[in-house]
Amino acid sequence: MENIMLSNYMKLFESLSIDSKLALLAAMTENVRKTLKKGDEKNKVKLLHELAGSWSDVDDDALIKDIYENRTLSDRAINFND
C-alpha cells in the first residue's frame, strides 16, 4: 500500500513546477526536523563516543605503511576542459 501511495505522490510531484517542488521539499524537511525526537541527539553523541576509539588498537605506523604501499600512480592525462 505504501508503494502505491508513494508512486502516486511521485506522479503528482513530477507535474509540479520547480518552485512548487522546492517549496514542498522545504516544508517536508521542516516537518521531519520537527518530528525528530530530542532523545536522538543523545544516541548520536553516544555513537560518536563508541566509534571514536574504534581505531585505537591499530598500529599507526603499520597503517601508514599499508596505505603508502597500496597507492597506485596513474600516468593518464587529466583534461579539465571537458
C-alpha atoms as a PDB file:
ATOM      1  CA  MET A   1       0.000   0.000   0.000  1.00  0.00           C
ATOM      2  CA  GLU A   2       2.824   2.412   0.847  1.00  0.00           C
ATOM      3  CA  ASN A   3       4.495   1.775  -2.502  1.00  0.00           C
ATOM      4  CA  ILE A   4       1.306   2.651  -4.371  1.00  0.00           C
ATOM      5  CA  MET A   5       0.833   5.792  -2.317  1.00  0.00           C
ATOM      6  CA  LEU A   6       4.477   6.795  -2.839  1.00  0.00           C
ATOM      7  CA  SER A   7       4.150   6.198  -6.567  1.00  0.00           C
ATOM      8  CA  ASN A   8       1.052   8.404  -6.702  1.00  0.00           C
ATOM      9  CA  TYR A   9       2.813  11.163  -4.756  1.00  0.00           C
ATOM     10  CA  MET A  10       5.776  10.982  -7.124  1.00  0.00           C
ATOM     11  CA  LYS A  11       3.470  11.362 -10.137  1.00  0.00           C
ATOM     12  CA  LEU A  12       1.976  14.467  -8.547  1.00  0.00           C
ATOM     13  CA  PHE A  13       5.436  15.771  -7.630  1.00  0.00           C
ATOM     14  CA  GLU A  14       6.736  15.355 -11.187  1.00  0.00           C
ATOM     15  CA  SER A  15       3.942  17.531 -12.537  1.00  0.00           C
ATOM     16  CA  LEU A  16       4.801  20.492 -10.273  1.00  0.00           C
ATOM     17  CA  SER A  17       6.883  23.493 -11.285  1.00  0.00           C
ATOM     18  CA  ILE A  18      10.413  23.758  -9.915  1.00  0.00           C
ATOM     19  CA  ASP A  19       9.327  26.496  -7.481  1.00  0.00           C
ATOM     20  CA  SER A  20       6.498  24.344  -6.158  1.00  0.00           C
ATOM     21  CA  LYS A  21       8.825  21.357  -5.824  1.00  0.00           C
ATOM     22  CA  LEU A  22      11.316  23.410  -3.827  1.00  0.00           C
ATOM     23  CA  ALA A  23       8.597  24.833  -1.592  1.00  0.00           C
ATOM     24  CA  LEU A  24       7.211  21.349  -0.962  1.00  0.00           C
ATOM     25  CA  LEU A  25      10.656  19.945  -0.184  1.00  0.00           C
ATOM     26  CA  ALA A  26      11.345  22.799   2.241  1.00  0.00           C
ATOM     27  CA  ALA A  27       8.032  22.196   4.014  1.00  0.00           C
ATOM     28  CA  MET A  28       8.660  18.446   4.196  1.00  0.00           C
ATOM     29  CA  THR A  29      12.183  18.997   5.530  1.00  0.00           C
ATOM     30  CA  GLU A  30      10.867  21.286   8.242  1.00  0.00           C
ATOM     31  CA  ASN A  31       8.215  18.731   9.158  1.00  0.00           C
ATOM     32  CA  VAL A  32      10.827  15.997   9.511  1.00  0.00           C
ATOM     33  CA  ARG A  33      13.008  18.236  11.663  1.00  0.00           C
ATOM     34  CA  LYS A  34      10.095  18.968  13.985  1.00  0.00           C
ATOM     35  CA  THR A  35       9.187  15.308  14.355  1.00  0.00           C
ATOM     36  CA  LEU A  36      12.678  14.140  15.266  1.00  0.00           C
ATOM     37  CA  LYS A  37      12.891  13.208  18.890  1.00  0.00           C
ATOM     38  CA  LYS A  38      15.258  15.168  21.095  1.00  0.00           C
ATOM     39  CA  GLY A  39      16.464  11.867  22.576  1.00  0.00           C
ATOM     40  CA  ASP A  40      18.022  11.017  19.220  1.00  0.00           C
ATOM     41  CA  GLU A  41      20.721  13.610  19.901  1.00  0.00           C
ATOM     42  CA  LYS A  42      21.855  11.633  22.950  1.00  0.00           C
ATOM     43  CA  ASN A  43      22.083   8.494  20.821  1.00  0.00           C
ATOM     44  CA  LYS A  44      24.172  10.343  18.234  1.00  0.00           C
ATOM     45  CA  VAL A  45      26.618  11.515  20.889  1.00  0.00           C
ATOM     46  CA  LYS A  46      26.788   8.015  22.391  1.00  0.00           C
ATOM     47  CA  LEU A  47      27.504   6.533  18.959  1.00  0.00           C
ATOM     48  CA  LEU A  48      30.205   9.131  18.340  1.00  0.00           C
ATOM     49  CA  HIS A  49      31.926   8.206  21.603  1.00  0.00           C
ATOM     50  CA  GLU A  50      31.677   4.489  20.772  1.00  0.00           C
ATOM     51  CA  LEU A  51      33.180   4.975  17.316  1.00  0.00           C
ATOM     52  CA  ALA A  52      35.901   7.386  18.445  1.00  0.00           C
ATOM     53  CA  GLY A  53      38.044   4.556  19.814  1.00  0.00           C
ATOM     54  CA  SER A  54      37.368   2.059  17.044  1.00  0.00           C
ATOM     55  CA  TRP A  55      40.856   2.544  15.563  1.00  0.00           C
ATOM     56  CA  SER A  56      42.659   2.612  18.911  1.00  0.00           C
ATOM     57  CA  ASP A  57      44.026  -0.927  18.540  1.00  0.00           C
ATOM     58  CA  VAL A  58      45.513  -0.269  15.078  1.00  0.00           C
ATOM     59  CA  ASP A  59      49.262   0.293  14.825  1.00  0.00           C
ATOM     60  CA  ASP A  60      49.647   3.782  13.308  1.00  0.00           C
ATOM     61  CA  ASP A  61      52.963   3.080  11.585  1.00  0.00           C
ATOM     62  CA  ALA A  62      51.693  -0.166  10.057  1.00  0.00           C
ATOM     63  CA  LEU A  63      48.545   1.550   8.803  1.00  0.00           C
ATOM     64  CA  ILE A  64      50.533   4.388   7.211  1.00  0.00           C
ATOM     65  CA  LYS A  65      52.918   1.900   5.612  1.00  0.00           C
ATOM     66  CA  ASP A  66      49.981  -0.130   4.281  1.00  0.00           C
ATOM     67  CA  ILE A  67      48.344   2.972   2.793  1.00  0.00           C
ATOM     68  CA  TYR A  68      51.531   4.044   1.019  1.00  0.00           C
ATOM     69  CA  GLU A  69      52.236   0.530  -0.274  1.00  0.00           C
ATOM     70  CA  ASN A  70      48.747   0.196  -1.738  1.00  0.00           C
ATOM     71  CA  ARG A  71      48.649   3.525  -3.505  1.00  0.00           C
ATOM     72  CA  THR A  72      48.773   3.447  -7.264  1.00  0.00           C
ATOM     73  CA  LEU A  73      50.086   6.039  -9.657  1.00  0.00           C
ATOM     74  CA  SER A  74      48.473   6.938 -12.909  1.00  0.00           C
ATOM     75  CA  ASP A  75      50.182   8.328 -15.975  1.00  0.00           C
ATOM     76  CA  ARG A  76      46.864   9.169 -17.567  1.00  0.00           C
ATOM     77  CA  ALA A  77      46.468  12.750 -18.789  1.00  0.00           C
ATOM     78  CA  ILE A  78      43.830  14.793 -16.996  1.00  0.00           C
ATOM     79  CA  ASN A  79      41.884  17.264 -19.093  1.00  0.00           C
ATOM     80  CA  PHE A  80      39.997  19.867 -17.073  1.00  0.00           C
ATOM     81  CA  ASN A  81      38.493  21.491 -20.175  1.00  0.00           C
ATOM     82  CA  ASP A  82      35.786  18.872 -20.777  1.00  0.00           C
END
